[in-house]
Amino acid sequence: MFKKQRAILSGLLILFIIAAVSCKSKFEKLKASNDNAKKYQAALAFYNKKQYSKALELFETLVQRYRGQAQAEDLYYYYAYANYNLKDYTSARYHFKTFSDTYPQSARAEECRFMEAYCYYLDSPIYSLDQENTTKAIETLQLFINLYPKSERVAEAGKLIQNLRDKLERKAFENAKLYLTIGDYYAAVIAFGNELRDYPDTKYAEEVDFLTIKAQYLYAEHSRVYTQVDRYTQTLSYQQQFADKYPSSKFKNDALYYKKNSEQGIASAKRQLEEQANDVNLARRLAKKDTVTGQPPSIKIDLNKKIPN
């Protein structure tokens, strides 16, 4: 009984393998065929069945052969979408752009121009990674808006741009906090200032303003005594601006802490400056205090950018 069932199953398995090999051979023969019309219809059939890998293989063999012919436009359109549906967004955006450039008068040119930008959008990584594709996506989406200002896709393009800008804004904010974390306080102050300059409506504005106070205070605290009065005074200036702007902030008490310590720091610095004026050895010891000597070589920032007042 069991032997009979085993024999039946083995037979079915052999038939299945033969059928699979036969199908594969049939596809390979079609792919190698010179019957372009048959191959084209088969590619469309595979595409409509969502068998995009097979469709793409056939499209790739047909693109050059149909160049300049009437069917070329449809062929290239489906070719681009086959790449897109296989989530190969790098190839897809290239082919969508090529379609728009090659057939600018086509009814599908607008769609393909948008899809080029959308592929960049889909390839935009999380905020912590390199944002080259994010920037490129913003540029291509803006180009689409400029080329087709009356398109029904403009509203969607605008939303996508905002999503991308939110990602760049988050990256800038996290990078600025990183300078604070690693103890490069001067770079942190500049980076927070740049965040507010580049993203004046940032949702992180309140926290950025508070962290600017903190970074400036720590910068002053780790500075040589003869620079501390000015740097603590700048901390007080930031704190006052913060208090005026956010009178009920959740960071209010912490900001007041840095204000109080800055006032004490100013008094202490002035007292030490007076003492060292009469004590050469003390002056030498204080001259070695500054630990803010510059940012680590692995961190880059444009120190020429202005810090907002």
C-alpha atoms as a PDB file:
ATOM      1  CA  MET A   1       0.000   0.000   0.000  1.00  0.00           C
ATOM      2  CA  PHE A   2       2.650   2.482   1.056  1.00  0.00           C
ATOM      3  CA  LYS A   3       4.904   1.410  -1.788  1.00  0.00           C
ATOM      4  CA  LYS A   4       2.100   2.108  -4.265  1.00  0.00           C
ATOM      5  CA  GLN A   5       1.495   5.609  -2.813  1.00  0.00           C
ATOM      6  CA  ARG A   6       5.226   6.309  -2.858  1.00  0.00           C
ATOM      7  CA  ALA A   7       5.406   5.283  -6.505  1.00  0.00           C
ATOM      8  CA  ILE A   8       2.485   7.558  -7.406  1.00  0.00           C
ATOM      9  CA  LEU A   9       4.069  10.515  -5.602  1.00  0.00           C
ATOM     10  CA  SER A  10       7.406   9.876  -7.271  1.00  0.00           C
ATOM     11  CA  GLY A  11       5.710   9.761 -10.646  1.00  0.00           C
ATOM     12  CA  LEU A  12       3.910  13.055  -9.999  1.00  0.00           C
ATOM     13  CA  LEU A  13       7.157  14.654  -8.883  1.00  0.00           C
ATOM     14  CA  ILE A  14       8.896  13.537 -12.067  1.00  0.00           C
ATOM     15  CA  LEU A  15       6.052  14.915 -14.175  1.00  0.00           C
ATOM     16  CA  PHE A  16       6.264  18.208 -12.297  1.00  0.00           C
ATOM     17  CA  ILE A  17      10.014  18.455 -12.865  1.00  0.00           C
ATOM     18  CA  ILE A  18       9.611  17.638 -16.554  1.00  0.00           C
ATOM     19  CA  ALA A  19       6.880  20.266 -16.888  1.00  0.00           C
ATOM     20  CA  ALA A  20       9.017  22.874 -15.122  1.00  0.00           C
ATOM     21  CA  VAL A  21      12.009  22.157 -17.324  1.00  0.00           C
ATOM     22  CA  SER A  22       9.784  22.210 -20.373  1.00  0.00           C
ATOM     23  CA  CYS A  23       8.326  25.601 -19.405  1.00  0.00           C
ATOM     24  CA  LYS A  24      11.763  26.986 -18.755  1.00  0.00           C
ATOM     25  CA  SER A  25      12.990  25.679 -22.075  1.00  0.00           C
ATOM     26  CA  LYS A  26       9.976  27.204 -23.788  1.00  0.00           C
ATOM     27  CA  PHE A  27      10.704  30.601 -22.213  1.00  0.00           C
ATOM     28  CA  GLU A  28      14.400  30.411 -23.067  1.00  0.00           C
ATOM     29  CA  LYS A  29      13.542  29.521 -26.655  1.00  0.00           C
ATOM     30  CA  LEU A  30      11.169  32.472 -26.818  1.00  0.00           C
ATOM     31  CA  LYS A  31      13.801  34.769 -25.357  1.00  0.00           C
ATOM     32  CA  ALA A  32      16.341  33.652 -27.987  1.00  0.00           C
ATOM     33  CA  SER A  33      13.796  33.834 -30.786  1.00  0.00           C
ATOM     34  CA  ASN A  34      13.954  36.381 -33.611  1.00  0.00           C
ATOM     35  CA  ASP A  35      10.170  36.601 -33.688  1.00  0.00           C
ATOM     36  CA  ASN A  36       9.989  40.058 -32.128  1.00  0.00           C
ATOM     37  CA  ALA A  37       6.229  40.394 -32.470  1.00  0.00           C
ATOM     38  CA  LYS A  38       5.610  37.137 -30.609  1.00  0.00           C
ATOM     39  CA  LYS A  39       8.180  38.047 -28.002  1.00  0.00           C
ATOM     40  CA  TYR A  40       6.583  41.489 -27.559  1.00  0.00           C
ATOM     41  CA  GLN A  41       3.110  40.006 -27.008  1.00  0.00           C
ATOM     42  CA  ALA A  42       4.523  37.476 -24.561  1.00  0.00           C
ATOM     43  CA  ALA A  43       6.305  40.245 -22.623  1.00  0.00           C
ATOM     44  CA  LEU A  44       3.047  42.182 -22.303  1.00  0.00           C
ATOM     45  CA  ALA A  45       1.256  39.018 -21.207  1.00  0.00           C
ATOM     46  CA  PHE A  46       3.853  38.376 -18.504  1.00  0.00           C
ATOM     47  CA  TYR A  47       3.625  42.026 -17.425  1.00  0.00           C
ATOM     48  CA  ASN A  48      -0.181  41.918 -17.130  1.00  0.00           C
ATOM     49  CA  LYS A  49       0.115  38.737 -15.056  1.00  0.00           C
ATOM     50  CA  LYS A  50       2.565  40.637 -12.802  1.00  0.00           C
ATOM     51  CA  GLN A  51       5.374  38.283 -13.752  1.00  0.00           C
ATOM     52  CA  TYR A  52       7.688  41.261 -14.001  1.00  0.00           C
ATOM     53  CA  SER A  53      10.990  39.382 -13.982  1.00  0.00           C
ATOM     54  CA  LYS A  54      10.113  37.431 -17.135  1.00  0.00           C
ATOM     55  CA  ALA A  55       8.566  40.501 -18.738  1.00  0.00           C
ATOM     56  CA  LEU A  56      11.723  42.483 -18.036  1.00  0.00           C
ATOM     57  CA  GLU A  57      13.964  39.823 -19.576  1.00  0.00           C
ATOM     58  CA  LEU A  58      11.967  39.980 -22.796  1.00  0.00           C
ATOM     59  CA  PHE A  59      11.704  43.792 -22.793  1.00  0.00           C
ATOM     60  CA  GLU A  60      15.475  44.025 -22.494  1.00  0.00           C
ATOM     61  CA  THR A  61      15.931  41.982 -25.665  1.00  0.00           C
ATOM     62  CA  LEU A  62      13.401  44.125 -27.548  1.00  0.00           C
ATOM     63  CA  VAL A  63      14.353  47.700 -26.632  1.00  0.00           C
ATOM     64  CA  GLN A  64      17.102  48.016 -29.235  1.00  0.00           C
ATOM     65  CA  ARG A  65      15.201  46.084 -31.897  1.00  0.00           C
ATOM     66  CA  TYR A  66      12.177  48.377 -31.721  1.00  0.00           C
ATOM     67  CA  ARG A  67      14.122  51.621 -31.607  1.00  0.00           C
ATOM     68  CA  GLY A  68      12.534  54.166 -33.954  1.00  0.00           C
ATOM     69  CA  GLN A  69       9.429  52.044 -34.544  1.00  0.00           C
ATOM     70  CA  ALA A  70       5.850  52.846 -33.584  1.00  0.00           C
ATOM     71  CA  GLN A  71       5.787  50.266 -30.792  1.00  0.00           C
ATOM     72  CA  ALA A  72       8.940  51.641 -29.174  1.00  0.00           C
ATOM     73  CA  GLU A  73       7.111  54.169 -26.978  1.00  0.00           C
ATOM     74  CA  ASP A  74       4.779  51.601 -25.406  1.00  0.00           C
ATOM     75  CA  LEU A  75       7.625  49.131 -25.051  1.00  0.00           C
ATOM     76  CA  TYR A  76       9.863  51.562 -23.204  1.00  0.00           C
ATOM     77  CA  TYR A  77       6.994  52.685 -20.959  1.00  0.00           C
ATOM     78  CA  TYR A  78       6.363  49.120 -19.777  1.00  0.00           C
ATOM     79  CA  TYR A  79      10.097  48.502 -19.574  1.00  0.00           C
ATOM     80  CA  ALA A  80      10.462  51.356 -17.066  1.00  0.00           C
ATOM     81  CA  TYR A  81       7.507  50.136 -15.027  1.00  0.00           C
ATOM     82  CA  ALA A  82       8.800  46.560 -14.986  1.00  0.00           C
ATOM     83  CA  ASN A  83      11.931  47.847 -13.241  1.00  0.00           C
ATOM     84  CA  TYR A  84       9.779  49.920 -10.909  1.00  0.00           C
ATOM     85  CA  ASN A  85       7.533  46.992  -9.974  1.00  0.00           C
ATOM     86  CA  LEU A  86      10.625  44.929  -9.218  1.00  0.00           C
ATOM     87  CA  LYS A  87      11.687  47.741  -6.832  1.00  0.00           C
ATOM     88  CA  ASP A  88      14.810  48.508  -8.832  1.00  0.00           C
ATOM     89  CA  TYR A  89      14.265  52.225  -8.385  1.00  0.00           C
ATOM     90  CA  THR A  90      17.713  53.227  -9.615  1.00  0.00           C
ATOM     91  CA  SER A  91      17.111  51.621 -13.013  1.00  0.00           C
ATOM     92  CA  ALA A  92      13.460  52.677 -13.064  1.00  0.00           C
ATOM     93  CA  ARG A  93      14.172  56.368 -12.549  1.00  0.00           C
ATOM     94  CA  TYR A  94      16.787  56.278 -15.310  1.00  0.00           C
ATOM     95  CA  HIS A  95      14.303  54.730 -17.749  1.00  0.00           C
ATOM     96  CA  PHE A  96      11.467  57.072 -16.707  1.00  0.00           C
ATOM     97  CA  LYS A  97      13.751  60.039 -17.377  1.00  0.00           C
ATOM     98  CA  THR A  98      14.868  58.553 -20.688  1.00  0.00           C
ATOM     99  CA  PHE A  99      11.237  58.098 -21.689  1.00  0.00           C
ATOM    100  CA  SER A 100      10.382  61.741 -20.892  1.00  0.00           C
ATOM    101  CA  ASP A 101      13.463  63.011 -22.717  1.00  0.00           C
ATOM    102  CA  THR A 102      12.876  60.772 -25.737  1.00  0.00           C
ATOM    103  CA  TYR A 103       9.117  61.309 -26.010  1.00  0.00           C
ATOM    104  CA  PRO A 104       8.511  64.821 -24.634  1.00  0.00           C
ATOM    105  CA  GLN A 105       5.226  65.146 -26.562  1.00  0.00           C
ATOM    106  CA  SER A 106       3.858  61.845 -25.295  1.00  0.00           C
ATOM    107  CA  ALA A 107       0.751  61.847 -23.127  1.00  0.00           C
ATOM    108  CA  ARG A 108       2.837  59.793 -20.692  1.00  0.00           C
ATOM    109  CA  ALA A 109       5.779  62.213 -20.491  1.00  0.00           C
ATOM    110  CA  GLU A 110       4.350  64.033 -17.468  1.00  0.00           C
ATOM    111  CA  GLU A 111       3.688  60.765 -15.645  1.00  0.00           C
ATOM    112  CA  CYS A 112       7.190  59.475 -16.314  1.00  0.00           C
ATOM    113  CA  ARG A 113       8.784  62.739 -15.210  1.00  0.00           C
ATOM    114  CA  PHE A 114       6.909  62.436 -11.932  1.00  0.00           C
ATOM    115  CA  MET A 115       7.834  58.774 -11.579  1.00  0.00           C
ATOM    116  CA  GLU A 116      11.516  59.634 -12.036  1.00  0.00           C
ATOM    117  CA  ALA A 117      11.279  61.949  -9.031  1.00  0.00           C
ATOM    118  CA  TYR A 118       9.179  59.455  -7.084  1.00  0.00           C
ATOM    119  CA  CYS A 119      11.829  56.766  -7.551  1.00  0.00           C
ATOM    120  CA  TYR A 120      14.373  59.131  -5.994  1.00  0.00           C
ATOM    121  CA  TYR A 121      11.884  59.647  -3.163  1.00  0.00           C
ATOM    122  CA  LEU A 122      11.570  55.896  -2.601  1.00  0.00           C
ATOM    123  CA  ASP A 123      15.365  55.574  -2.616  1.00  0.00           C
ATOM    124  CA  SER A 124      15.748  58.282   0.035  1.00  0.00           C
ATOM    125  CA  PRO A 125      17.250  56.560   3.111  1.00  0.00           C
ATOM    126  CA  ILE A 126      16.556  57.087   6.813  1.00  0.00           C
ATOM    127  CA  TYR A 127      17.687  60.463   8.154  1.00  0.00           C
ATOM    128  CA  SER A 128      20.877  59.150   9.748  1.00  0.00           C
ATOM    129  CA  LEU A 129      22.375  58.033   6.419  1.00  0.00           C
ATOM    130  CA  ASP A 130      23.765  60.029   3.497  1.00  0.00           C
ATOM    131  CA  GLN A 131      21.016  62.209   2.048  1.00  0.00           C
ATOM    132  CA  GLU A 132      22.223  62.627  -1.544  1.00  0.00           C
ATOM    133  CA  ASN A 133      19.121  60.898  -2.928  1.00  0.00           C
ATOM    134  CA  THR A 134      16.915  62.991  -0.648  1.00  0.00           C
ATOM    135  CA  THR A 135      18.366  66.184  -2.073  1.00  0.00           C
ATOM    136  CA  LYS A 136      18.094  64.829  -5.608  1.00  0.00           C
ATOM    137  CA  ALA A 137      14.481  63.849  -4.994  1.00  0.00           C
ATOM    138  CA  ILE A 138      13.638  67.388  -3.874  1.00  0.00           C
ATOM    139  CA  GLU A 139      15.332  68.801  -6.965  1.00  0.00           C
ATOM    140  CA  THR A 140      13.536  66.482  -9.389  1.00  0.00           C
ATOM    141  CA  LEU A 141      10.159  66.967  -7.698  1.00  0.00           C
ATOM    142  CA  GLN A 142      10.621  70.737  -7.879  1.00  0.00           C
ATOM    143  CA  LEU A 143      11.596  70.405 -11.541  1.00  0.00           C
ATOM    144  CA  PHE A 144       8.376  68.483 -12.136  1.00  0.00           C
ATOM    145  CA  ILE A 145       6.354  71.252 -10.475  1.00  0.00           C
ATOM    146  CA  ASN A 146       8.127  73.848 -12.606  1.00  0.00           C
ATOM    147  CA  LEU A 147       7.543  71.895 -15.828  1.00  0.00           C
ATOM    148  CA  TYR A 148       3.925  70.982 -15.093  1.00  0.00           C
ATOM    149  CA  PRO A 149       2.545  73.665 -12.747  1.00  0.00           C
ATOM    150  CA  LYS A 150      -1.056  72.770 -13.636  1.00  0.00           C
ATOM    151  CA  SER A 151      -0.649  69.033 -13.185  1.00  0.00           C
ATOM    152  CA  GLU A 152      -2.943  67.200 -10.783  1.00  0.00           C
ATOM    153  CA  ARG A 153       0.230  65.636  -9.373  1.00  0.00           C
ATOM    154  CA  VAL A 154       1.624  68.982  -8.151  1.00  0.00           C
ATOM    155  CA  ALA A 155      -0.117  68.699  -4.781  1.00  0.00           C
ATOM    156  CA  GLU A 156       1.338  65.235  -4.214  1.00  0.00           C
ATOM    157  CA  ALA A 157       4.785  66.437  -5.314  1.00  0.00           C
ATOM    158  CA  GLY A 158       4.556  69.247  -2.761  1.00  0.00           C
ATOM    159  CA  LYS A 159       3.725  66.790   0.027  1.00  0.00           C
ATOM    160  CA  LEU A 160       6.641  64.581  -0.946  1.00  0.00           C
ATOM    161  CA  ILE A 161       9.006  67.556  -0.904  1.00  0.00           C
ATOM    162  CA  GLN A 162       7.834  68.448   2.608  1.00  0.00           C
ATOM    163  CA  ASN A 163       8.424  64.880   3.778  1.00  0.00           C
ATOM    164  CA  LEU A 164      11.948  65.016   2.396  1.00  0.00           C
ATOM    165  CA  ARG A 165      12.647  68.406   3.953  1.00  0.00           C
ATOM    166  CA  ASP A 166      11.460  67.038   7.314  1.00  0.00           C
ATOM    167  CA  LYS A 167      14.066  64.297   6.958  1.00  0.00           C
ATOM    168  CA  LEU A 168      16.854  66.786   6.184  1.00  0.00           C
ATOM    169  CA  GLU A 169      15.690  68.929   9.102  1.00  0.00           C
ATOM    170  CA  ARG A 170      15.865  65.924  11.441  1.00  0.00           C
ATOM    171  CA  LYS A 171      19.349  65.050  10.206  1.00  0.00           C
ATOM    172  CA  ALA A 172      20.590  68.609  10.775  1.00  0.00           C
ATOM    173  CA  PHE A 173      19.133  68.592  14.285  1.00  0.00           C
ATOM    174  CA  GLU A 174      20.688  65.247  15.206  1.00  0.00           C
ATOM    175  CA  ASN A 175      24.051  66.293  13.755  1.00  0.00           C
ATOM    176  CA  ALA A 176      23.999  69.461  15.852  1.00  0.00           C
ATOM    177  CA  LYS A 177      23.239  67.433  18.986  1.00  0.00           C
ATOM    178  CA  LEU A 178      26.122  65.121  18.113  1.00  0.00           C
ATOM    179  CA  TYR A 179      28.601  68.026  18.402  1.00  0.00           C
ATOM    180  CA  LEU A 180      27.218  68.692  21.863  1.00  0.00           C
ATOM    181  CA  THR A 181      27.518  65.021  22.814  1.00  0.00           C
ATOM    182  CA  ILE A 182      31.156  64.728  21.745  1.00  0.00           C
ATOM    183  CA  GLY A 183      32.073  67.944  23.551  1.00  0.00           C
ATOM    184  CA  ASP A 184      32.701  70.179  20.546  1.00  0.00           C
ATOM    185  CA  TYR A 185      30.646  72.978  22.034  1.00  0.00           C
ATOM    186  CA  TYR A 186      31.607  75.781  19.665  1.00  0.00           C
ATOM    187  CA  ALA A 187      30.676  73.640  16.635  1.00  0.00           C
ATOM    188  CA  ALA A 188      27.394  72.761  18.387  1.00  0.00           C
ATOM    189  CA  VAL A 189      26.493  76.433  18.829  1.00  0.00           C
ATOM    190  CA  ILE A 190      27.167  77.069  15.144  1.00  0.00           C
ATOM    191  CA  ALA A 191      25.281  73.950  14.026  1.00  0.00           C
ATOM    192  CA  PHE A 192      22.213  74.881  16.093  1.00  0.00           C
ATOM    193  CA  GLY A 193      22.328  78.364  14.596  1.00  0.00           C
ATOM    194  CA  ASN A 194      22.524  76.913  11.098  1.00  0.00           C
ATOM    195  CA  GLU A 195      19.545  74.668  11.842  1.00  0.00           C
ATOM    196  CA  LEU A 196      17.400  77.700  12.650  1.00  0.00           C
ATOM    197  CA  ARG A 197      18.707  79.592   9.637  1.00  0.00           C
ATOM    198  CA  ASP A 198      18.078  76.752   7.179  1.00  0.00           C
ATOM    199  CA  TYR A 199      14.772  75.654   8.735  1.00  0.00           C
ATOM    200  CA  PRO A 200      13.219  78.768  10.321  1.00  0.00           C
ATOM    201  CA  ASP A 201       9.903  76.963  10.875  1.00  0.00           C
ATOM    202  CA  THR A 202      11.476  73.836  12.348  1.00  0.00           C
ATOM    203  CA  LYS A 203       9.433  71.915  14.883  1.00  0.00           C
ATOM    204  CA  TYR A 204      12.631  71.583  16.925  1.00  0.00           C
ATOM    205  CA  ALA A 205      13.020  75.370  17.322  1.00  0.00           C
ATOM    206  CA  GLU A 206      12.350  75.510  21.069  1.00  0.00           C
ATOM    207  CA  GLU A 207      14.729  72.667  21.869  1.00  0.00           C
ATOM    208  CA  VAL A 208      17.349  74.065  19.482  1.00  0.00           C
ATOM    209  CA  ASP A 209      17.223  77.434  21.255  1.00  0.00           C
ATOM    210  CA  PHE A 210      17.583  75.758  24.625  1.00  0.00           C
ATOM    211  CA  LEU A 211      20.456  73.529  23.511  1.00  0.00           C
ATOM    212  CA  THR A 212      22.185  76.611  22.118  1.00  0.00           C
ATOM    213  CA  ILE A 213      22.183  78.021  25.654  1.00  0.00           C
ATOM    214  CA  LYS A 214      23.579  74.754  27.003  1.00  0.00           C
ATOM    215  CA  ALA A 215      26.270  74.486  24.323  1.00  0.00           C
ATOM    216  CA  GLN A 216      27.335  78.111  24.785  1.00  0.00           C
ATOM    217  CA  TYR A 217      27.490  77.668  28.568  1.00  0.00           C
ATOM    218  CA  LEU A 218      29.670  74.554  28.264  1.00  0.00           C
ATOM    219  CA  TYR A 219      31.825  76.319  25.704  1.00  0.00           C
ATOM    220  CA  ALA A 220      32.388  79.136  28.191  1.00  0.00           C
ATOM    221  CA  GLU A 221      32.951  76.755  31.109  1.00  0.00           C
ATOM    222  CA  HIS A 222      35.717  74.898  29.209  1.00  0.00           C
ATOM    223  CA  SER A 223      37.418  78.044  27.945  1.00  0.00           C
ATOM    224  CA  ARG A 224      40.445  79.947  29.151  1.00  0.00           C
ATOM    225  CA  VAL A 225      39.585  82.316  31.910  1.00  0.00           C
ATOM    226  CA  TYR A 226      40.339  85.450  29.918  1.00  0.00           C
ATOM    227  CA  THR A 227      37.648  84.470  27.359  1.00  0.00           C
ATOM    228  CA  GLN A 228      35.021  83.344  29.855  1.00  0.00           C
ATOM    229  CA  VAL A 229      33.449  86.704  30.624  1.00  0.00           C
ATOM    230  CA  ASP A 230      32.488  87.264  26.988  1.00  0.00           C
ATOM    231  CA  ARG A 231      31.365  83.663  26.475  1.00  0.00           C
ATOM    232  CA  TYR A 232      29.269  83.519  29.637  1.00  0.00           C
ATOM    233  CA  THR A 233      27.784  86.876  28.677  1.00  0.00           C
ATOM    234  CA  GLN A 234      26.745  85.381  25.331  1.00  0.00           C
ATOM    235  CA  THR A 235      25.084  82.544  27.243  1.00  0.00           C
ATOM    236  CA  LEU A 236      23.066  85.106  29.184  1.00  0.00           C
ATOM    237  CA  SER A 237      22.063  86.754  25.907  1.00  0.00           C
ATOM    238  CA  TYR A 238      20.809  83.455  24.497  1.00  0.00           C
ATOM    239  CA  GLN A 239      18.949  82.738  27.742  1.00  0.00           C
ATOM    240  CA  GLN A 240      17.192  86.092  27.672  1.00  0.00           C
ATOM    241  CA  GLN A 241      16.129  85.615  24.068  1.00  0.00           C
ATOM    242  CA  PHE A 242      14.830  82.164  24.988  1.00  0.00           C
ATOM    243  CA  ALA A 243      12.873  83.474  28.005  1.00  0.00           C
ATOM    244  CA  ASP A 244      11.239  86.178  25.882  1.00  0.00           C
ATOM    245  CA  LYS A 245      10.356  83.729  23.119  1.00  0.00           C
ATOM    246  CA  TYR A 246       9.196  80.805  25.272  1.00  0.00           C
ATOM    247  CA  PRO A 247       7.971  82.142  28.638  1.00  0.00           C
ATOM    248  CA  SER A 248       6.264  78.838  29.518  1.00  0.00           C
ATOM    249  CA  SER A 249       8.830  76.454  28.043  1.00  0.00           C
ATOM    250  CA  LYS A 250       9.397  73.032  29.549  1.00  0.00           C
ATOM    251  CA  PHE A 251      13.100  73.950  29.443  1.00  0.00           C
ATOM    252  CA  LYS A 252      12.541  77.139  31.476  1.00  0.00           C
ATOM    253  CA  ASN A 253      14.091  75.900  34.727  1.00  0.00           C
ATOM    254  CA  ASP A 254      17.097  74.366  32.975  1.00  0.00           C
ATOM    255  CA  ALA A 255      17.657  77.608  31.101  1.00  0.00           C
ATOM    256  CA  LEU A 256      17.536  79.514  34.394  1.00  0.00           C
ATOM    257  CA  TYR A 257      20.132  77.080  35.790  1.00  0.00           C
ATOM    258  CA  TYR A 258      22.549  78.036  33.008  1.00  0.00           C
ATOM    259  CA  LYS A 259      21.755  81.695  33.579  1.00  0.00           C
ATOM    260  CA  LYS A 260      22.587  81.453  37.276  1.00  0.00           C
ATOM    261  CA  ASN A 261      25.777  79.495  36.651  1.00  0.00           C
ATOM    262  CA  SER A 262      26.838  81.909  33.903  1.00  0.00           C
ATOM    263  CA  GLU A 263      26.440  84.848  36.267  1.00  0.00           C
ATOM    264  CA  GLN A 264      28.532  82.998  38.826  1.00  0.00           C
ATOM    265  CA  GLY A 265      31.033  82.106  36.110  1.00  0.00           C
ATOM    266  CA  ILE A 266      31.405  85.756  35.128  1.00  0.00           C
ATOM    267  CA  ALA A 267      32.024  86.749  38.742  1.00  0.00           C
ATOM    268  CA  SER A 268      34.538  83.916  39.169  1.00  0.00           C
ATOM    269  CA  ALA A 269      36.377  84.752  35.940  1.00  0.00           C
ATOM    270  CA  LYS A 270      36.676  88.414  36.878  1.00  0.00           C
ATOM    271  CA  ARG A 271      38.002  87.486  40.305  1.00  0.00           C
ATOM    272  CA  GLN A 272      40.588  85.113  38.813  1.00  0.00           C
ATOM    273  CA  LEU A 273      41.692  87.710  36.278  1.00  0.00           C
ATOM    274  CA  GLU A 274      42.281  90.161  39.090  1.00  0.00           C
ATOM    275  CA  GLU A 275      44.235  87.547  41.069  1.00  0.00           C
ATOM    276  CA  GLN A 276      46.409  86.464  38.181  1.00  0.00           C
ATOM    277  CA  ALA A 277      47.299  90.049  37.434  1.00  0.00           C
ATOM    278  CA  ASN A 278      49.329  89.874  40.647  1.00  0.00           C
ATOM    279  CA  ASP A 279      50.382  86.198  40.475  1.00  0.00           C
ATOM    280  CA  VAL A 280      52.482  85.025  37.498  1.00  0.00           C
ATOM    281  CA  ASN A 281      52.359  81.314  38.488  1.00  0.00           C
ATOM    282  CA  LEU A 282      48.571  81.403  38.731  1.00  0.00           C
ATOM    283  CA  ALA A 283      48.386  83.013  35.307  1.00  0.00           C
ATOM    284  CA  ARG A 284      50.424  80.180  33.799  1.00  0.00           C
ATOM    285  CA  ARG A 285      48.181  77.533  35.347  1.00  0.00           C
ATOM    286  CA  LEU A 286      45.017  79.225  34.091  1.00  0.00           C
ATOM    287  CA  ALA A 287      46.468  79.523  30.596  1.00  0.00           C
ATOM    288  CA  LYS A 288      46.432  75.693  30.354  1.00  0.00           C
ATOM    289  CA  LYS A 289      42.785  75.340  31.323  1.00  0.00           C
ATOM    290  CA  ASP A 290      41.149  75.631  27.896  1.00  0.00           C
ATOM    291  CA  THR A 291      40.077  72.255  26.484  1.00  0.00           C
ATOM    292  CA  VAL A 292      38.163  73.718  23.544  1.00  0.00           C
ATOM    293  CA  THR A 293      40.947  73.463  20.993  1.00  0.00           C
ATOM    294  CA  GLY A 294      38.890  72.546  17.925  1.00  0.00           C
ATOM    295  CA  GLN A 295      36.668  69.816  16.588  1.00  0.00           C
ATOM    296  CA  PRO A 296      37.800  66.219  16.133  1.00  0.00           C
ATOM    297  CA  PRO A 297      39.249  65.598  12.647  1.00  0.00           C
ATOM    298  CA  SER A 298      36.460  63.152  11.768  1.00  0.00           C
ATOM    299  CA  ILE A 299      33.790  65.823  12.208  1.00  0.00           C
ATOM    300  CA  LYS A 300      33.477  68.554   9.597  1.00  0.00           C
ATOM    301  CA  ILE A 301      31.559  71.796   9.861  1.00  0.00           C
ATOM    302  CA  ASP A 302      31.715  75.183   8.190  1.00  0.00           C
ATOM    303  CA  LEU A 303      32.925  77.392  11.000  1.00  0.00           C
ATOM    304  CA  ASN A 304      32.591  80.463   8.782  1.00  0.00           C
ATOM    305  CA  LYS A 305      28.814  80.308   8.966  1.00  0.00           C
ATOM    306  CA  LYS A 306      27.360  82.992  11.181  1.00  0.00           C
ATOM    307  CA  ILE A 307      25.583  82.264  14.421  1.00  0.00           C
ATOM    308  CA  PRO A 308      22.280  84.167  14.603  1.00  0.00           C
ATOM    309  CA  ASN A 309      22.028  86.836  17.259  1.00  0.00           C
END
